[in-house]
N, C-alpha and C. Protein backbone atom coordinates (compact mmCIF):
# COMPACT_ATOMS: atom_id res chain seq x y z
N UNK A 1 116.77 129.90 251.90
CA UNK A 1 116.97 129.24 250.65
C UNK A 1 118.43 129.51 250.18
N UNK A 2 119.07 128.41 249.76
CA UNK A 2 120.48 128.58 249.21
C UNK A 2 120.47 129.35 247.95
N UNK A 3 121.67 129.92 247.66
CA UNK A 3 121.78 130.74 246.40
C UNK A 3 121.51 129.85 245.17
N UNK A 4 122.09 128.61 245.14
CA UNK A 4 121.87 127.75 244.03
C UNK A 4 120.43 127.34 243.82
N UNK A 5 119.69 127.14 244.93
CA UNK A 5 118.28 126.87 244.84
C UNK A 5 117.50 128.03 244.29
N UNK A 6 117.87 129.26 244.70
CA UNK A 6 117.22 130.43 244.26
C UNK A 6 117.39 130.68 242.79
N UNK A 7 118.58 130.49 242.33
CA UNK A 7 118.88 130.61 240.80
C UNK A 7 118.11 129.59 240.07
N UNK A 8 118.05 128.37 240.53
CA UNK A 8 117.32 127.30 239.82
C UNK A 8 115.80 127.59 239.86
N UNK A 9 115.28 128.18 240.86
CA UNK A 9 113.90 128.46 240.93
C UNK A 9 113.55 129.63 239.98
N UNK A 10 114.41 130.63 239.93
CA UNK A 10 114.22 131.79 238.97
C UNK A 10 114.28 131.35 237.56
N UNK A 11 115.07 130.36 237.23
CA UNK A 11 115.26 129.92 235.88
C UNK A 11 114.16 129.02 235.37
N UNK A 12 113.29 128.49 236.26
CA UNK A 12 112.22 127.63 235.86
C UNK A 12 111.23 128.45 234.97
N UNK A 13 110.88 127.77 233.88
CA UNK A 13 109.86 128.40 232.94
C UNK A 13 110.39 129.55 232.07
N UNK A 14 111.67 129.75 232.14
CA UNK A 14 112.21 130.82 231.27
C UNK A 14 112.29 130.31 229.84
N UNK A 15 111.79 131.10 228.95
CA UNK A 15 111.80 130.76 227.55
C UNK A 15 112.54 131.80 226.74
N UNK A 16 113.14 131.38 225.62
CA UNK A 16 113.83 132.44 224.84
C UNK A 16 112.84 133.53 224.34
N UNK A 17 113.27 134.72 224.27
CA UNK A 17 112.47 135.82 223.77
C UNK A 17 112.62 135.91 222.27
N UNK A 18 111.54 136.02 221.60
CA UNK A 18 111.60 136.12 220.14
C UNK A 18 112.08 137.54 219.76
N UNK A 19 112.89 137.58 218.76
CA UNK A 19 113.45 138.86 218.30
C UNK A 19 112.23 139.77 217.89
N UNK A 20 112.29 141.02 218.20
CA UNK A 20 111.23 142.01 217.79
C UNK A 20 111.30 142.15 216.26
N UNK A 21 110.17 142.41 215.71
CA UNK A 21 110.07 142.62 214.27
C UNK A 21 109.17 143.77 213.92
N UNK A 22 109.29 144.26 212.70
CA UNK A 22 108.31 145.26 212.22
C UNK A 22 106.97 144.75 212.22
N UNK A 23 106.01 145.59 212.49
CA UNK A 23 104.60 145.19 212.54
C UNK A 23 104.11 145.03 211.10
N UNK A 24 103.73 143.84 210.64
CA UNK A 24 103.33 143.71 209.18
C UNK A 24 102.00 144.39 208.88
N UNK A 25 101.10 144.54 209.80
CA UNK A 25 99.81 145.23 209.50
C UNK A 25 100.07 146.69 209.32
N UNK A 26 100.88 147.29 210.11
CA UNK A 26 101.24 148.74 209.97
C UNK A 26 101.97 148.96 208.62
N UNK A 27 102.85 148.04 208.31
CA UNK A 27 103.57 148.13 206.98
C UNK A 27 102.58 148.08 205.87
N UNK A 28 101.60 147.12 205.95
CA UNK A 28 100.61 147.06 204.90
C UNK A 28 99.85 148.33 204.76
N UNK A 29 99.57 148.97 205.95
CA UNK A 29 98.87 150.26 205.88
C UNK A 29 99.72 151.33 205.24
N UNK A 30 101.10 151.24 205.45
CA UNK A 30 101.98 152.19 204.81
C UNK A 30 101.97 152.05 203.33
N UNK A 31 101.95 150.86 202.79
CA UNK A 31 101.84 150.59 201.39
C UNK A 31 100.53 151.20 200.82
N UNK A 32 99.46 150.88 201.53
CA UNK A 32 98.11 151.31 201.10
C UNK A 32 98.15 152.87 201.09
N UNK A 33 98.75 153.51 202.05
CA UNK A 33 98.78 154.96 202.06
C UNK A 33 99.47 155.54 200.91
N UNK A 34 100.61 154.94 200.43
CA UNK A 34 101.27 155.43 199.22
C UNK A 34 100.40 155.26 198.03
N UNK A 35 99.76 154.14 197.92
CA UNK A 35 98.93 153.89 196.73
C UNK A 35 97.79 154.91 196.73
N UNK A 36 97.13 155.08 197.78
CA UNK A 36 96.02 156.07 197.91
C UNK A 36 96.46 157.44 197.65
N UNK A 37 97.63 157.87 198.17
CA UNK A 37 98.14 159.19 197.87
C UNK A 37 98.40 159.40 196.38
N UNK A 38 98.98 158.44 195.71
CA UNK A 38 99.21 158.51 194.28
C UNK A 38 97.85 158.64 193.56
N UNK A 39 96.91 157.80 193.95
CA UNK A 39 95.62 157.81 193.23
C UNK A 39 94.85 159.09 193.41
N UNK A 40 94.86 159.56 194.67
CA UNK A 40 94.01 160.70 194.99
C UNK A 40 94.66 162.10 194.81
N UNK A 41 95.93 162.11 194.95
CA UNK A 41 96.67 163.41 194.88
C UNK A 41 97.42 163.53 193.54
N UNK A 42 98.23 162.56 193.16
CA UNK A 42 98.98 162.70 191.92
C UNK A 42 98.22 162.20 190.71
N UNK A 43 97.33 161.30 190.93
CA UNK A 43 96.42 160.71 189.92
C UNK A 43 97.14 159.65 189.10
N UNK A 44 96.32 158.69 188.67
CA UNK A 44 96.83 157.59 187.83
C UNK A 44 97.24 158.11 186.46
N UNK A 45 98.25 157.54 185.90
CA UNK A 45 98.58 157.94 184.53
C UNK A 45 97.46 157.49 183.57
N UNK A 46 97.10 158.32 182.62
CA UNK A 46 95.95 157.98 181.77
C UNK A 46 96.07 156.76 180.96
N UNK A 47 97.36 156.32 180.64
CA UNK A 47 97.59 155.11 179.85
C UNK A 47 98.07 153.93 180.69
N UNK A 48 97.58 153.87 181.95
CA UNK A 48 98.06 152.91 182.90
C UNK A 48 97.94 151.45 182.38
N UNK A 49 96.80 151.11 181.84
CA UNK A 49 96.61 149.77 181.35
C UNK A 49 97.63 149.33 180.29
N UNK A 50 97.78 150.20 179.36
CA UNK A 50 98.84 149.96 178.37
C UNK A 50 100.27 149.93 178.92
N UNK A 51 100.50 150.86 179.86
CA UNK A 51 101.85 150.94 180.43
C UNK A 51 102.24 149.77 181.27
N UNK A 52 101.24 149.06 181.83
CA UNK A 52 101.61 147.87 182.63
C UNK A 52 102.11 146.80 181.77
N UNK A 53 102.00 146.89 180.43
CA UNK A 53 102.65 145.95 179.57
C UNK A 53 104.10 146.24 179.22
N UNK A 54 104.56 147.45 179.66
CA UNK A 54 105.93 147.79 179.42
C UNK A 54 106.82 147.24 180.48
N UNK A 55 107.86 146.50 180.10
CA UNK A 55 108.76 145.86 181.14
C UNK A 55 109.41 146.91 182.08
N UNK A 56 109.64 148.19 181.50
CA UNK A 56 110.28 149.19 182.28
C UNK A 56 109.50 149.61 183.55
N UNK A 57 108.22 149.53 183.41
CA UNK A 57 107.34 149.81 184.58
C UNK A 57 107.70 148.87 185.73
N UNK A 58 107.88 147.57 185.38
CA UNK A 58 108.14 146.62 186.39
C UNK A 58 109.62 146.70 186.86
N UNK A 59 110.46 147.11 186.00
CA UNK A 59 111.86 147.37 186.43
C UNK A 59 111.87 148.45 187.49
N UNK A 60 111.11 149.54 187.30
CA UNK A 60 111.04 150.56 188.35
C UNK A 60 110.46 149.94 189.61
N UNK A 61 109.39 149.18 189.50
CA UNK A 61 108.78 148.56 190.71
C UNK A 61 109.70 147.65 191.44
N UNK A 62 110.47 146.81 190.73
CA UNK A 62 111.32 145.89 191.34
C UNK A 62 112.45 146.57 192.01
N UNK A 63 113.01 147.62 191.35
CA UNK A 63 114.17 148.34 191.90
C UNK A 63 113.75 149.02 193.25
N UNK A 64 112.67 149.80 193.25
CA UNK A 64 112.30 150.54 194.38
C UNK A 64 111.81 149.63 195.51
N UNK A 65 111.12 148.56 195.17
CA UNK A 65 110.67 147.58 196.16
C UNK A 65 111.85 146.92 196.76
N UNK A 66 112.88 146.62 195.93
CA UNK A 66 114.11 145.99 196.47
C UNK A 66 114.79 146.96 197.46
N UNK A 67 114.88 148.27 197.20
CA UNK A 67 115.40 149.18 198.14
C UNK A 67 114.57 149.25 199.46
N UNK A 68 113.22 149.21 199.21
CA UNK A 68 112.38 149.28 200.45
C UNK A 68 112.60 147.98 201.32
N UNK A 69 112.66 146.85 200.71
CA UNK A 69 112.93 145.66 201.48
C UNK A 69 114.29 145.65 202.20
N UNK A 70 115.27 146.11 201.45
CA UNK A 70 116.59 146.16 202.09
C UNK A 70 116.62 147.19 203.20
N UNK A 71 115.92 148.26 203.08
CA UNK A 71 115.86 149.26 204.09
C UNK A 71 115.17 148.78 205.36
N UNK A 72 114.05 148.08 205.17
CA UNK A 72 113.38 147.56 206.30
C UNK A 72 114.20 146.45 207.04
N UNK A 73 114.87 145.64 206.24
CA UNK A 73 115.73 144.59 206.82
C UNK A 73 116.82 145.26 207.65
N UNK A 74 117.43 146.34 207.10
CA UNK A 74 118.46 147.08 207.79
C UNK A 74 117.89 147.69 209.12
N UNK A 75 116.65 148.28 209.03
CA UNK A 75 116.08 148.87 210.26
C UNK A 75 115.87 147.80 211.27
N UNK A 76 115.40 146.63 210.87
CA UNK A 76 115.18 145.53 211.86
C UNK A 76 116.44 145.13 212.53
N UNK A 77 117.55 144.94 211.77
CA UNK A 77 118.81 144.60 212.31
C UNK A 77 119.28 145.64 213.29
N UNK A 78 119.26 146.90 212.90
CA UNK A 78 119.65 148.00 213.68
C UNK A 78 118.81 148.16 214.98
N UNK A 79 117.58 147.67 214.93
CA UNK A 79 116.68 147.77 216.04
C UNK A 79 116.72 146.61 216.97
N UNK A 80 117.66 145.68 216.70
CA UNK A 80 117.84 144.49 217.56
C UNK A 80 119.21 144.51 218.23
N UNK A 81 119.31 144.90 219.45
CA UNK A 81 120.57 144.99 220.12
C UNK A 81 121.41 143.66 219.95
N UNK A 82 122.70 143.88 219.67
CA UNK A 82 123.55 142.72 219.52
C UNK A 82 123.68 142.19 218.13
N UNK A 83 122.86 142.69 217.19
CA UNK A 83 122.95 142.28 215.80
C UNK A 83 123.49 143.38 214.91
N UNK A 84 124.24 142.98 213.90
CA UNK A 84 124.93 143.93 212.98
C UNK A 84 124.02 144.15 211.76
N UNK A 85 124.25 145.28 211.09
CA UNK A 85 123.52 145.60 209.93
C UNK A 85 124.29 145.56 208.62
N UNK A 86 125.46 144.86 208.68
CA UNK A 86 126.33 144.86 207.52
C UNK A 86 125.68 144.24 206.33
N UNK A 87 125.00 143.06 206.44
CA UNK A 87 124.51 142.38 205.29
C UNK A 87 123.43 143.13 204.61
N UNK A 88 122.38 143.71 205.30
CA UNK A 88 121.33 144.55 204.64
C UNK A 88 121.90 145.90 204.07
N UNK A 89 122.88 146.37 204.75
CA UNK A 89 123.56 147.66 204.30
C UNK A 89 124.22 147.39 202.96
N UNK A 90 124.93 146.25 202.91
CA UNK A 90 125.53 145.82 201.66
C UNK A 90 124.59 145.60 200.54
N UNK A 91 123.49 145.00 200.86
CA UNK A 91 122.45 144.69 199.88
C UNK A 91 121.84 146.01 199.37
N UNK A 92 121.53 146.94 200.27
CA UNK A 92 120.99 148.21 199.90
C UNK A 92 121.98 148.98 198.90
N UNK A 93 123.26 148.98 199.32
CA UNK A 93 124.24 149.58 198.49
C UNK A 93 124.36 148.93 197.11
N UNK A 94 124.31 147.57 197.14
CA UNK A 94 124.50 146.83 195.90
C UNK A 94 123.37 147.09 194.90
N UNK A 95 122.13 147.11 195.50
CA UNK A 95 120.92 147.43 194.57
C UNK A 95 121.08 148.79 193.95
N UNK A 96 121.39 149.74 194.75
CA UNK A 96 121.49 151.19 194.24
C UNK A 96 122.72 151.26 193.31
N UNK A 97 123.82 150.59 193.63
CA UNK A 97 124.97 150.62 192.76
C UNK A 97 124.86 149.96 191.48
N UNK A 98 124.05 148.84 191.46
CA UNK A 98 123.71 148.14 190.23
C UNK A 98 122.90 149.02 189.32
N UNK A 99 121.92 149.77 189.86
CA UNK A 99 121.09 150.58 189.02
C UNK A 99 121.93 151.82 188.48
N UNK A 100 122.78 152.37 189.31
CA UNK A 100 123.61 153.48 188.88
C UNK A 100 124.55 153.00 187.74
N UNK A 101 125.06 151.76 187.85
CA UNK A 101 125.89 151.27 186.82
C UNK A 101 125.16 150.98 185.48
N UNK A 102 123.92 150.47 185.62
CA UNK A 102 123.10 150.25 184.47
C UNK A 102 122.77 151.57 183.75
N UNK A 103 122.44 152.59 184.60
CA UNK A 103 122.12 153.86 184.03
C UNK A 103 123.28 154.54 183.33
N UNK A 104 124.48 154.42 183.94
CA UNK A 104 125.70 154.90 183.24
C UNK A 104 125.95 154.21 181.92
N UNK A 105 125.75 152.89 181.91
CA UNK A 105 125.99 152.05 180.76
C UNK A 105 124.96 152.48 179.62
N UNK A 106 123.75 152.78 180.06
CA UNK A 106 122.73 153.23 179.06
C UNK A 106 123.14 154.53 178.44
N UNK A 107 123.65 155.51 179.28
CA UNK A 107 124.02 156.78 178.77
C UNK A 107 125.30 156.65 177.76
N UNK A 108 126.17 155.75 178.11
CA UNK A 108 127.32 155.48 177.25
C UNK A 108 126.89 155.04 175.86
N UNK A 109 125.85 154.19 175.86
CA UNK A 109 125.39 153.67 174.56
C UNK A 109 124.43 154.66 173.80
N UNK A 110 123.96 155.67 174.47
CA UNK A 110 123.10 156.63 173.95
C UNK A 110 123.89 157.67 173.07
N UNK A 111 123.43 158.03 171.88
CA UNK A 111 124.14 159.12 171.13
C UNK A 111 124.17 160.42 171.98
N UNK A 112 125.28 161.12 171.84
CA UNK A 112 125.56 162.29 172.69
C UNK A 112 124.38 163.31 172.66
N UNK A 113 123.81 163.50 171.50
CA UNK A 113 122.76 164.50 171.43
C UNK A 113 121.45 164.09 171.97
N UNK A 114 121.37 162.78 172.43
CA UNK A 114 120.08 162.28 173.01
C UNK A 114 120.28 162.08 174.57
N UNK A 115 121.48 162.25 175.02
CA UNK A 115 121.69 161.91 176.43
C UNK A 115 120.91 162.73 177.42
N UNK A 116 120.80 164.04 177.10
CA UNK A 116 120.00 164.94 177.95
C UNK A 116 118.54 164.46 178.10
N UNK A 117 117.96 164.13 176.97
CA UNK A 117 116.57 163.66 177.02
C UNK A 117 116.40 162.40 177.80
N UNK A 118 117.40 161.45 177.65
CA UNK A 118 117.34 160.14 178.29
C UNK A 118 117.46 160.36 179.82
N UNK A 119 118.37 161.22 180.21
CA UNK A 119 118.65 161.45 181.67
C UNK A 119 117.57 162.25 182.37
N UNK A 120 117.07 163.34 181.64
CA UNK A 120 116.15 164.24 182.32
C UNK A 120 114.65 163.83 182.06
N UNK A 121 114.43 163.18 180.96
CA UNK A 121 113.01 162.85 180.70
C UNK A 121 112.17 164.11 180.57
N UNK A 122 110.90 163.94 180.97
CA UNK A 122 110.00 165.12 180.95
C UNK A 122 109.60 165.56 182.39
N UNK A 123 110.03 164.78 183.30
CA UNK A 123 109.48 165.10 184.70
C UNK A 123 110.58 165.19 185.76
N UNK A 124 111.83 165.40 185.40
CA UNK A 124 112.89 165.40 186.35
C UNK A 124 112.74 166.46 187.39
N UNK A 125 112.11 167.59 187.04
CA UNK A 125 111.88 168.69 188.05
C UNK A 125 110.94 168.34 189.13
N UNK A 126 110.00 167.44 188.84
CA UNK A 126 108.96 167.09 189.87
C UNK A 126 109.08 165.66 190.41
N UNK A 127 109.98 164.92 189.85
CA UNK A 127 110.08 163.50 190.28
C UNK A 127 110.32 163.32 191.80
N UNK A 128 111.30 164.04 192.26
CA UNK A 128 111.70 163.92 193.76
C UNK A 128 110.52 164.41 194.59
N UNK A 129 109.98 165.56 194.21
CA UNK A 129 108.88 166.11 194.94
C UNK A 129 107.67 165.14 194.98
N UNK A 130 107.36 164.53 193.85
CA UNK A 130 106.21 163.60 193.82
C UNK A 130 106.46 162.29 194.64
N UNK A 131 107.69 161.84 194.65
CA UNK A 131 108.02 160.71 195.48
C UNK A 131 107.88 161.04 196.90
N UNK A 132 108.32 162.17 197.37
CA UNK A 132 108.13 162.59 198.73
C UNK A 132 106.65 162.82 199.08
N UNK A 133 105.90 163.33 198.16
CA UNK A 133 104.45 163.46 198.37
C UNK A 133 103.84 162.04 198.55
N UNK A 134 104.21 161.11 197.73
CA UNK A 134 103.71 159.74 197.85
C UNK A 134 104.11 159.06 199.14
N UNK A 135 105.13 159.61 199.81
CA UNK A 135 105.68 158.99 201.06
C UNK A 135 105.30 159.67 202.28
N UNK A 136 104.57 160.83 202.14
CA UNK A 136 104.34 161.68 203.28
C UNK A 136 103.49 161.02 204.39
N UNK A 137 102.53 160.19 203.99
CA UNK A 137 101.73 159.45 204.98
C UNK A 137 102.44 158.08 205.36
N UNK A 138 103.18 157.63 204.38
CA UNK A 138 103.88 156.29 204.55
C UNK A 138 104.98 156.39 205.62
N UNK A 139 105.72 157.46 205.63
CA UNK A 139 106.81 157.63 206.60
C UNK A 139 106.42 157.41 208.04
N UNK A 140 105.43 158.10 208.52
CA UNK A 140 105.03 157.93 209.95
C UNK A 140 104.56 156.47 210.27
N UNK A 141 103.89 155.91 209.27
CA UNK A 141 103.41 154.51 209.46
C UNK A 141 104.61 153.52 209.55
N UNK A 142 105.53 153.76 208.68
CA UNK A 142 106.79 152.93 208.77
C UNK A 142 107.50 153.08 210.07
N UNK A 143 107.55 154.26 210.60
CA UNK A 143 108.18 154.51 211.92
C UNK A 143 107.36 153.75 213.05
N UNK A 144 105.98 153.89 212.91
CA UNK A 144 105.18 153.21 213.90
C UNK A 144 105.30 151.69 213.86
N UNK A 145 105.58 151.17 212.66
CA UNK A 145 105.74 149.70 212.55
C UNK A 145 107.01 149.29 213.29
N UNK A 146 107.91 150.15 213.60
CA UNK A 146 109.18 149.80 214.26
C UNK A 146 109.06 150.07 215.81
N UNK A 147 107.93 150.20 216.34
CA UNK A 147 107.73 150.54 217.75
C UNK A 147 108.25 149.46 218.67
N UNK A 148 108.21 148.22 218.20
CA UNK A 148 108.62 147.09 219.02
C UNK A 148 110.18 146.95 219.04
N UNK A 149 110.85 147.63 218.20
CA UNK A 149 112.29 147.51 218.10
C UNK A 149 112.99 148.37 219.16
N UNK A 150 114.29 148.09 219.40
CA UNK A 150 115.03 148.84 220.37
C UNK A 150 116.32 149.27 219.71
N UNK A 151 116.27 150.28 218.88
CA UNK A 151 117.46 150.70 218.16
C UNK A 151 118.44 151.40 219.09
N UNK A 152 119.76 150.98 218.95
CA UNK A 152 120.73 151.61 219.76
C UNK A 152 121.42 152.73 219.00
N UNK A 153 121.14 152.77 217.72
CA UNK A 153 121.68 153.87 216.83
C UNK A 153 120.48 154.50 216.11
N UNK A 154 119.76 155.39 216.79
CA UNK A 154 118.52 155.92 216.29
C UNK A 154 118.66 156.64 214.96
N UNK A 155 119.73 157.40 214.74
CA UNK A 155 119.92 158.14 213.52
C UNK A 155 119.99 157.11 212.28
N UNK A 156 120.86 156.13 212.43
CA UNK A 156 120.98 155.12 211.36
C UNK A 156 119.71 154.36 211.18
N UNK A 157 119.01 153.99 212.24
CA UNK A 157 117.72 153.33 212.14
C UNK A 157 116.70 154.18 211.43
N UNK A 158 116.68 155.44 211.80
CA UNK A 158 115.75 156.38 211.18
C UNK A 158 116.10 156.59 209.67
N UNK A 159 117.34 156.60 209.36
CA UNK A 159 117.75 156.67 207.93
C UNK A 159 117.23 155.53 207.17
N UNK A 160 117.39 154.32 207.77
CA UNK A 160 116.95 153.15 207.07
C UNK A 160 115.42 153.11 206.93
N UNK A 161 114.70 153.54 207.93
CA UNK A 161 113.22 153.57 207.87
C UNK A 161 112.73 154.65 206.92
N UNK A 162 113.47 155.85 206.86
CA UNK A 162 113.10 156.88 205.96
C UNK A 162 113.32 156.50 204.49
N UNK A 163 114.42 155.83 204.26
CA UNK A 163 114.75 155.31 202.87
C UNK A 163 113.70 154.24 202.42
N UNK A 164 113.35 153.40 203.36
CA UNK A 164 112.28 152.41 203.07
C UNK A 164 110.97 153.01 202.78
N UNK A 165 110.61 154.03 203.55
CA UNK A 165 109.32 154.70 203.31
C UNK A 165 109.27 155.39 201.98
N UNK A 166 110.43 156.05 201.63
CA UNK A 166 110.49 156.77 200.33
C UNK A 166 110.48 155.75 199.19
N UNK A 167 111.15 154.59 199.41
CA UNK A 167 111.16 153.67 198.39
C UNK A 167 109.73 153.04 198.15
N UNK A 168 108.97 152.88 199.21
CA UNK A 168 107.63 152.43 199.10
C UNK A 168 106.78 153.41 198.28
N UNK A 169 106.95 154.72 198.69
CA UNK A 169 106.27 155.77 197.91
C UNK A 169 106.73 155.77 196.43
N UNK A 170 108.07 155.63 196.25
CA UNK A 170 108.54 155.58 194.82
C UNK A 170 108.01 154.44 194.03
N UNK A 171 107.76 153.25 194.72
CA UNK A 171 107.14 152.11 194.00
C UNK A 171 105.77 152.48 193.52
N UNK A 172 104.90 152.93 194.39
CA UNK A 172 103.59 153.35 194.00
C UNK A 172 103.57 154.39 192.91
N UNK A 173 104.44 155.41 193.06
CA UNK A 173 104.57 156.54 192.06
C UNK A 173 105.06 156.00 190.76
N UNK A 174 106.12 155.13 190.74
CA UNK A 174 106.68 154.65 189.51
C UNK A 174 105.77 153.76 188.73
N UNK A 175 104.98 152.91 189.41
CA UNK A 175 104.11 152.01 188.69
C UNK A 175 102.83 152.71 188.21
N UNK A 176 102.32 153.54 189.08
CA UNK A 176 100.94 154.04 188.87
C UNK A 176 100.87 155.47 188.15
N UNK A 177 102.01 156.18 188.18
CA UNK A 177 101.91 157.58 187.74
C UNK A 177 103.05 158.01 186.80
N UNK A 178 104.23 157.68 187.11
CA UNK A 178 105.43 158.14 186.40
C UNK A 178 105.51 157.63 184.97
N UNK A 179 105.71 158.52 183.92
CA UNK A 179 105.80 158.06 182.56
C UNK A 179 107.20 157.73 182.09
N UNK A 180 108.23 158.01 182.95
CA UNK A 180 109.60 157.87 182.49
C UNK A 180 109.96 156.40 182.28
N UNK A 181 110.84 156.12 181.38
CA UNK A 181 111.12 154.71 181.03
C UNK A 181 112.60 154.52 180.68
N UNK A 182 113.51 155.16 181.39
CA UNK A 182 114.97 154.97 181.14
C UNK A 182 115.63 154.63 182.44
N UNK A 183 116.69 153.81 182.32
CA UNK A 183 117.37 153.31 183.50
C UNK A 183 118.18 154.56 184.12
N UNK A 184 118.66 155.41 183.31
CA UNK A 184 119.46 156.53 183.86
C UNK A 184 118.56 157.51 184.62
N UNK A 185 117.30 157.73 184.21
CA UNK A 185 116.39 158.49 184.93
C UNK A 185 116.15 157.89 186.27
N UNK A 186 115.88 156.66 186.26
CA UNK A 186 115.57 155.85 187.49
C UNK A 186 116.78 155.92 188.43
N UNK A 187 118.00 155.71 187.87
CA UNK A 187 119.17 155.71 188.65
C UNK A 187 119.48 157.01 189.42
N UNK A 188 119.24 158.07 188.66
CA UNK A 188 119.54 159.42 189.24
C UNK A 188 118.44 160.01 190.07
N UNK A 189 117.25 160.10 189.49
CA UNK A 189 116.18 160.89 190.11
C UNK A 189 115.44 160.05 191.19
N UNK A 190 115.20 158.81 190.95
CA UNK A 190 114.54 158.00 191.96
C UNK A 190 115.47 157.77 193.18
N UNK A 191 116.74 157.45 192.85
CA UNK A 191 117.68 157.12 193.90
C UNK A 191 117.93 158.34 194.73
N UNK A 192 117.96 159.55 194.09
CA UNK A 192 118.20 160.79 194.88
C UNK A 192 117.03 161.04 195.78
N UNK A 193 115.80 160.80 195.37
CA UNK A 193 114.62 161.12 196.13
C UNK A 193 114.62 160.12 197.33
N UNK A 194 114.92 158.88 197.08
CA UNK A 194 114.98 157.91 198.25
C UNK A 194 115.97 158.23 199.20
N UNK A 195 117.20 158.65 198.70
CA UNK A 195 118.27 159.11 199.61
C UNK A 195 117.85 160.27 200.49
N UNK A 196 117.13 161.22 199.82
CA UNK A 196 116.63 162.36 200.53
C UNK A 196 115.65 162.00 201.68
N UNK A 197 114.75 161.06 201.34
CA UNK A 197 113.84 160.50 202.32
C UNK A 197 114.58 159.85 203.46
N UNK A 198 115.74 159.20 203.12
CA UNK A 198 116.53 158.59 204.22
C UNK A 198 117.12 159.64 205.16
N UNK A 199 117.57 160.74 204.55
CA UNK A 199 118.09 161.84 205.44
C UNK A 199 117.06 162.44 206.32
N UNK A 200 115.82 162.62 205.77
CA UNK A 200 114.74 163.07 206.62
C UNK A 200 114.44 162.10 207.72
N UNK A 201 114.46 160.80 207.41
CA UNK A 201 114.18 159.77 208.38
C UNK A 201 115.30 159.73 209.43
N UNK A 202 116.53 160.04 209.05
CA UNK A 202 117.66 160.08 210.08
C UNK A 202 117.41 161.18 211.10
N UNK A 203 117.01 162.34 210.63
CA UNK A 203 116.69 163.46 211.52
C UNK A 203 115.55 163.02 212.39
N UNK A 204 114.49 162.47 211.83
CA UNK A 204 113.36 162.08 212.65
C UNK A 204 113.72 160.96 213.66
N UNK A 205 114.59 160.06 213.22
CA UNK A 205 114.99 158.96 214.09
C UNK A 205 115.75 159.43 215.31
N UNK A 206 116.48 160.54 215.19
CA UNK A 206 117.26 161.07 216.37
C UNK A 206 116.25 161.48 217.45
N UNK A 207 115.04 161.89 217.03
CA UNK A 207 114.08 162.32 218.05
C UNK A 207 113.06 161.32 218.37
N UNK A 208 112.65 160.46 217.40
CA UNK A 208 111.56 159.57 217.63
C UNK A 208 111.97 158.17 218.05
N UNK A 209 113.17 157.82 217.90
CA UNK A 209 113.58 156.43 218.20
C UNK A 209 114.48 156.33 219.42
N UNK A 210 114.64 157.39 220.19
CA UNK A 210 115.38 157.31 221.43
C UNK A 210 114.55 156.54 222.44
N UNK A 211 115.32 155.86 223.29
CA UNK A 211 114.65 155.10 224.38
C UNK A 211 115.56 154.91 225.56
């Protein structure tokens, strides 16, 4: 067989390969794990029904869900060889930067003698811990959802997955349990906890995402 004939024969029936994606069922299980952890371990806030009418509850949910979505998008891009993660990284930075800016603006408008209460609230000591608790089962599931990907930068991919997992946990915690209702609290303590989750994910990614 001639070389040209061999190449033509090998090319027959070749179809484009679909880009790998995060597994949606495993991601749904990750979300459910966060909700169940909050319900069973941290407990629902006693005034939950009334609190759901407070717009700030939904601001918390939209902010953390936005970070989770951007983190998962970034992980998908980083897990697809040949694709860049600039767009999702910029989105992730922009969401966090916007909230930090809003929190700073809120503090500027707050009387000096009230700024401590606005920034610290009543739960600043336990906020980060509780978000990590809400994410403890979510993190492994988020990593499992990425098993079809092929990350060439496992540390960065792990960081994105870890941040996304913490943001999912923060969403469940913020809507179902946390009583805080200021932008500055959200900007500092929620963002810090999600960043810490990202660092943990980066360490895990170095070991778990190698291939």
